Amino acid sequence: MAESAVAVLIAEAKREIEECDLSATEKAMQQRSHLIVDVREPEEFAKGHLEGAMNVPRGVLEFRTDANYPGAIESLTDKNAKIILYCRSGGRSALAAQSLSKMGYQSVVSMAGGFMAWEEANLAVSDS
């Protein structure tokens, strides 16, 4: 059986980007050293997310990070900002990290394993 086109895209993205593990994300959250961005859909985010994460769905991420685009999120327009992206399992966040890197972002990483890994490790989840 052939590998799916999406799996190929994700594998390519993961070869081009940096991933961080859960402990690096925890440390960044404690130190408030990175912006934590959840690229899942709003209904996924509402069911639980990392404390302090902002929800910017994958489909609008590039628009929200472009200072020249109406609706940009100011904190995300700084291409030198330290950003950790995550999604459900790591695929969307890998694609998002690849895209932001292509846009000139210097310090963007994807959290390996995504929210599923975070929950499986019994780490703190916020629903507010």
Protein backbone atom coordinates (compact mmCIF):
# COMPACT_ATOMS: atom_id res chain seq x y z
CA MET A 1 0.00 0.00 0.00
CA ALA A 2 1.38 3.39 -1.00
CA GLU A 3 2.05 6.06 1.60
CA SER A 4 -0.61 8.79 1.64
CA ALA A 5 0.18 12.17 0.10
CA VAL A 6 -0.42 13.86 3.45
CA ALA A 7 2.01 11.50 5.19
CA VAL A 8 4.63 12.34 2.56
CA LEU A 9 4.10 16.09 3.10
CA ILE A 10 4.38 15.71 6.86
CA ALA A 11 7.52 13.59 6.58
CA GLU A 12 9.10 16.20 4.29
CA ALA A 13 8.17 18.98 6.73
CA LYS A 14 9.64 17.08 9.68
CA ARG A 15 12.94 16.76 7.81
CA GLU A 16 13.03 20.55 7.38
CA ILE A 17 11.92 21.74 10.82
CA GLU A 18 12.94 21.37 14.43
CA GLU A 19 10.78 19.48 16.91
CA CYS A 20 10.88 19.76 20.67
CA ASP A 21 9.83 17.23 23.25
CA LEU A 22 7.25 17.63 25.99
CA SER A 23 9.78 18.52 28.66
CA ALA A 24 11.18 21.36 26.51
CA THR A 25 7.64 22.66 26.06
CA GLU A 26 6.97 22.43 29.81
CA LYS A 27 10.17 24.33 30.53
CA ALA A 28 9.31 27.03 27.95
CA MET A 29 5.87 27.40 29.53
CA GLN A 30 7.31 27.72 33.04
CA GLN A 31 9.88 30.28 31.91
CA ARG A 32 7.39 32.05 29.61
CA SER A 33 10.16 32.08 27.02
CA HIS A 34 8.06 31.08 24.01
CA LEU A 35 4.70 31.81 22.50
CA ILE A 36 2.69 28.59 22.61
CA VAL A 37 0.40 28.28 19.59
CA ASP A 38 -2.26 25.62 19.19
CA VAL A 39 -2.98 25.20 15.47
CA ARG A 40 -5.99 22.92 15.96
CA GLU A 41 -9.53 24.00 15.16
CA PRO A 42 -11.44 26.07 17.77
CA GLU A 43 -13.68 23.17 18.75
CA GLU A 44 -10.61 21.02 19.48
CA PHE A 45 -9.01 23.84 21.48
CA ALA A 46 -12.21 24.30 23.54
CA LYS A 47 -12.04 20.68 24.71
CA GLY A 48 -8.59 21.25 26.25
CA HIS A 49 -5.26 22.89 25.51
CA LEU A 50 -1.93 23.82 27.03
CA GLU A 51 -2.13 26.56 29.66
CA GLY A 52 -1.51 29.96 28.09
CA ALA A 53 -1.69 28.69 24.52
CA MET A 54 -3.28 30.87 21.87
CA ASN A 55 -5.49 29.23 19.29
CA VAL A 56 -4.58 30.07 15.70
CA PRO A 57 -6.01 27.38 13.42
CA ARG A 58 -3.64 26.00 10.80
CA GLY A 59 -5.81 27.32 7.97
CA VAL A 60 -5.34 30.97 8.99
CA LEU A 61 -1.86 30.89 10.56
CA GLU A 62 -0.02 32.59 7.71
CA PHE A 63 -2.60 35.40 7.64
CA ARG A 64 -2.42 35.95 11.40
CA THR A 65 1.38 36.19 11.31
CA ASP A 66 1.66 38.64 8.40
CA ALA A 67 1.84 42.22 9.75
CA ASN A 68 0.58 43.52 6.40
CA TYR A 69 -2.60 41.47 6.54
CA PRO A 70 -5.77 42.68 8.30
CA GLY A 71 -6.39 40.54 11.37
CA ALA A 72 -2.75 39.84 12.08
CA ILE A 73 -1.93 39.01 15.70
CA GLU A 74 0.76 41.47 16.75
CA SER A 75 2.69 39.08 19.00
CA LEU A 76 2.96 36.63 16.11
CA THR A 77 4.31 39.13 13.57
CA ASP A 78 7.79 39.20 15.13
CA LYS A 79 9.89 36.83 13.03
CA ASN A 80 12.41 36.58 15.87
CA ALA A 81 9.82 35.46 18.43
CA LYS A 82 10.35 32.03 19.96
CA ILE A 83 7.32 29.95 19.03
CA ILE A 84 6.25 26.41 19.88
CA LEU A 85 3.44 25.06 17.71
CA TYR A 86 1.33 22.02 18.49
CA CYS A 87 -1.72 20.21 17.16
CA ARG A 88 -3.38 16.88 17.91
CA SER A 89 -0.55 14.55 16.89
CA GLY A 90 2.20 16.68 15.38
CA GLY A 91 1.33 16.69 11.67
CA ARG A 92 -0.39 20.05 11.33
CA SER A 93 2.13 21.72 13.61
CA ALA A 94 5.02 20.33 11.53
CA LEU A 95 3.44 21.76 8.38
CA ALA A 96 2.82 25.04 10.20
CA ALA A 97 6.43 25.23 11.40
CA GLN A 98 7.64 24.57 7.87
CA SER A 99 5.42 27.33 6.53
CA LEU A 100 6.51 29.88 9.13
CA SER A 101 10.15 28.99 8.51
CA LYS A 102 9.62 29.67 4.81
CA MET A 103 8.12 33.03 5.82
CA GLY A 104 11.36 33.91 7.59
CA TYR A 105 10.65 32.94 11.20
CA GLN A 106 13.93 32.16 12.96
CA SER A 107 12.87 30.24 16.09
CA VAL A 108 9.78 28.15 15.44
CA VAL A 109 9.45 24.52 16.51
CA SER A 110 6.77 21.85 16.52
CA MET A 111 6.00 19.90 19.68
CA ALA A 112 6.60 16.23 18.87
CA GLY A 113 3.58 14.02 19.50
CA GLY A 114 1.19 16.94 19.85
CA PHE A 115 -1.65 17.27 22.34
CA MET A 116 -2.22 13.50 22.36
CA ALA A 117 1.28 12.93 23.74
CA TRP A 118 0.77 15.74 26.26
CA GLU A 119 -2.42 14.11 27.56
CA GLU A 120 -0.88 10.63 27.54
CA ALA A 121 1.91 12.00 29.77
CA ASN A 122 -0.78 13.28 32.18
CA LEU A 123 0.46 16.87 31.91
CA ALA A 124 -1.73 19.81 32.89
CA VAL A 125 -4.54 20.70 30.49
CA SER A 126 -6.59 23.89 30.53
CA ASP A 127 -10.15 24.24 29.31
CA SER A 128 -10.48 27.98 29.84
